[in-house]
Structure formats: structure tokens, C-alpha cells
């Protein structure tokens, strides 16, 4: 029994390491609702790119609108990170029954 438990622990640790590597490589692109800002974020939460469209820097457009667009895109990126990690988690650990709720499930309660 102990050897089996140790073997399962090692498999889970290897999956966890693979999960973290995959989360770092996974990229999700989100846009602000008005389309002025685009952000690329990894499953690990790292912002890889921010694109501000030419329309956003139009002199007739208020800078406050651009600030709102950046904030909306950042909020969407945070949500996308959680979604991507949850999907990746399900792929890597679907064969293992959790001992406690997944952190993203705690957020939805």
C-alpha cells in the first residue's frame, strides 16, 4: 500500500510540474469590449503583449475612454487566465479525484 501511494504521489507531482509548464506556454488573447485594447496573457498570469489600436489614440477620443478600455481588457485577461488554468487542470488531472475543491471552484461559490 505504501509503495502504491508513493508511486501515485510521484505521478501526481510529475503531472503538476507538466501542468505548470503548460500554463506558462498557454496564451489567451482578449480584447476590451470596444475593441480598442488587446492583451495576450498566459495561463500563469504573465502579460505577454498589449496592443492599443490606432483608433484608441485618436486625438478626438478622450484619454479616459482609453483608460476604461485598458482596465476592461486587463479584467478580461484575468478571467481568461482563470478559465485557461481551469481547462488545463481538467485535462491534466481528470483521472484523479480531488482531495479538496480546485481553487477556481472556490471562486465561483
Protein backbone atom coordinates (compact mmCIF):
# COMPACT_ATOMS: atom_id res chain seq x y z
CA UNK A 1 0.00 0.00 0.00
CA UNK A 2 2.77 2.47 0.92
CA UNK A 3 4.67 1.80 -2.31
CA UNK A 4 1.50 2.32 -4.32
CA UNK A 5 0.83 5.62 -2.52
CA UNK A 6 4.39 6.79 -3.15
CA UNK A 7 4.07 5.87 -6.83
CA UNK A 8 0.80 7.78 -7.14
CA UNK A 9 2.31 10.79 -5.37
CA UNK A 10 5.20 10.81 -7.85
CA UNK A 11 2.79 10.60 -10.81
CA UNK A 12 0.75 13.49 -9.44
CA UNK A 13 3.89 15.57 -8.85
CA UNK A 14 5.02 14.91 -12.43
CA UNK A 15 1.58 15.95 -13.70
CA UNK A 16 1.66 19.09 -11.55
CA UNK A 17 5.04 20.08 -13.00
CA UNK A 18 3.78 19.40 -16.52
CA UNK A 19 0.66 21.46 -15.73
CA UNK A 20 2.73 24.45 -14.57
CA UNK A 21 4.93 24.27 -17.71
CA UNK A 22 1.84 24.07 -19.92
CA UNK A 23 0.23 27.02 -18.10
CA UNK A 24 3.32 29.12 -18.80
CA UNK A 25 3.21 28.23 -22.50
CA UNK A 26 -0.57 28.62 -22.94
CA UNK A 27 -1.60 32.02 -24.28
CA UNK A 28 -5.06 33.56 -24.35
CA UNK A 29 -5.87 36.75 -26.27
CA UNK A 30 -8.64 39.04 -25.02
CA UNK A 31 -9.99 42.36 -26.22
CA UNK A 32 -11.73 45.20 -24.47
CA UNK A 33 -15.47 45.36 -25.27
CA UNK A 34 -14.92 48.38 -27.52
CA UNK A 35 -12.03 46.67 -29.35
CA UNK A 36 -9.52 49.41 -28.54
CA UNK A 37 -7.15 47.23 -26.49
CA UNK A 38 -5.94 43.66 -26.94
CA UNK A 39 -3.99 41.73 -24.29
CA UNK A 40 -2.22 38.38 -24.51
CA UNK A 41 -1.94 36.61 -21.14
CA UNK A 42 -0.53 33.20 -20.24
CA UNK A 43 -2.21 30.57 -18.10
CA UNK A 44 0.37 31.52 -15.46
CA UNK A 45 -0.90 35.12 -15.45
CA UNK A 46 2.01 36.74 -17.30
CA UNK A 47 1.02 39.51 -19.70
CA UNK A 48 2.87 38.80 -22.95
CA UNK A 49 1.59 41.62 -25.13
CA UNK A 50 -0.62 44.70 -25.06
CA UNK A 51 -1.86 46.22 -28.31
CA UNK A 52 -3.58 49.60 -28.42
CA UNK A 53 -5.29 50.25 -31.73
CA UNK A 54 -4.72 53.41 -33.77
CA UNK A 55 -8.38 54.28 -33.17
CA UNK A 56 -7.68 54.40 -29.42
CA UNK A 57 -5.06 57.14 -29.79
CA UNK A 58 -7.27 59.32 -31.97
CA UNK A 59 -6.89 62.90 -30.65
CA UNK A 60 -10.68 63.32 -30.64
CA UNK A 61 -11.08 60.37 -28.25
CA UNK A 62 -10.86 61.15 -24.54
CA UNK A 63 -7.95 59.53 -22.69
CA UNK A 64 -10.46 58.39 -20.07
CA UNK A 65 -12.04 56.13 -22.72
CA UNK A 66 -8.67 54.54 -23.37
CA UNK A 67 -8.11 54.06 -19.63
CA UNK A 68 -11.50 52.30 -19.36
CA UNK A 69 -10.64 50.10 -22.34
CA UNK A 70 -7.29 49.11 -20.79
CA UNK A 71 -8.95 48.30 -17.47
CA UNK A 72 -11.66 46.22 -19.18
CA UNK A 73 -9.04 44.29 -21.16
CA UNK A 74 -6.98 43.65 -18.00
CA UNK A 75 -10.06 42.36 -16.20
CA UNK A 76 -10.89 40.12 -19.16
CA UNK A 77 -7.28 38.86 -19.18
CA UNK A 78 -7.54 37.92 -15.51
CA UNK A 79 -10.75 35.99 -16.19
CA UNK A 80 -9.19 34.34 -19.23
CA UNK A 81 -6.23 33.22 -17.14
CA UNK A 82 -8.56 31.55 -14.63
CA UNK A 83 -10.57 29.91 -17.43
CA UNK A 84 -7.42 28.64 -19.16
CA UNK A 85 -5.93 27.25 -15.93
CA UNK A 86 -9.21 25.51 -15.08
CA UNK A 87 -9.39 23.87 -18.53
CA UNK A 88 -5.74 22.85 -18.35
CA UNK A 89 -6.24 21.49 -14.84
CA UNK A 90 -9.18 19.38 -16.01
CA UNK A 91 -7.07 17.96 -18.85
CA UNK A 92 -4.12 17.05 -16.63
CA UNK A 93 -5.92 15.78 -13.54
CA UNK A 94 -9.23 14.39 -14.82
CA UNK A 95 -8.28 10.86 -13.65
CA UNK A 96 -7.66 11.95 -10.05
CA UNK A 97 -10.38 12.71 -7.56
CA UNK A 98 -9.53 15.95 -5.74
CA UNK A 99 -8.96 15.86 -2.00
CA UNK A 100 -10.26 19.43 -1.76
CA UNK A 101 -12.04 21.78 -4.18
CA UNK A 102 -9.98 23.25 -7.00
CA UNK A 103 -9.11 26.90 -6.23
CA UNK A 104 -11.13 28.12 -9.22
CA UNK A 105 -14.19 26.31 -7.85
CA UNK A 106 -13.80 28.23 -4.61
CA UNK A 107 -14.01 31.49 -6.59
CA UNK A 108 -17.32 30.53 -8.17
CA UNK A 109 -19.04 29.91 -4.82
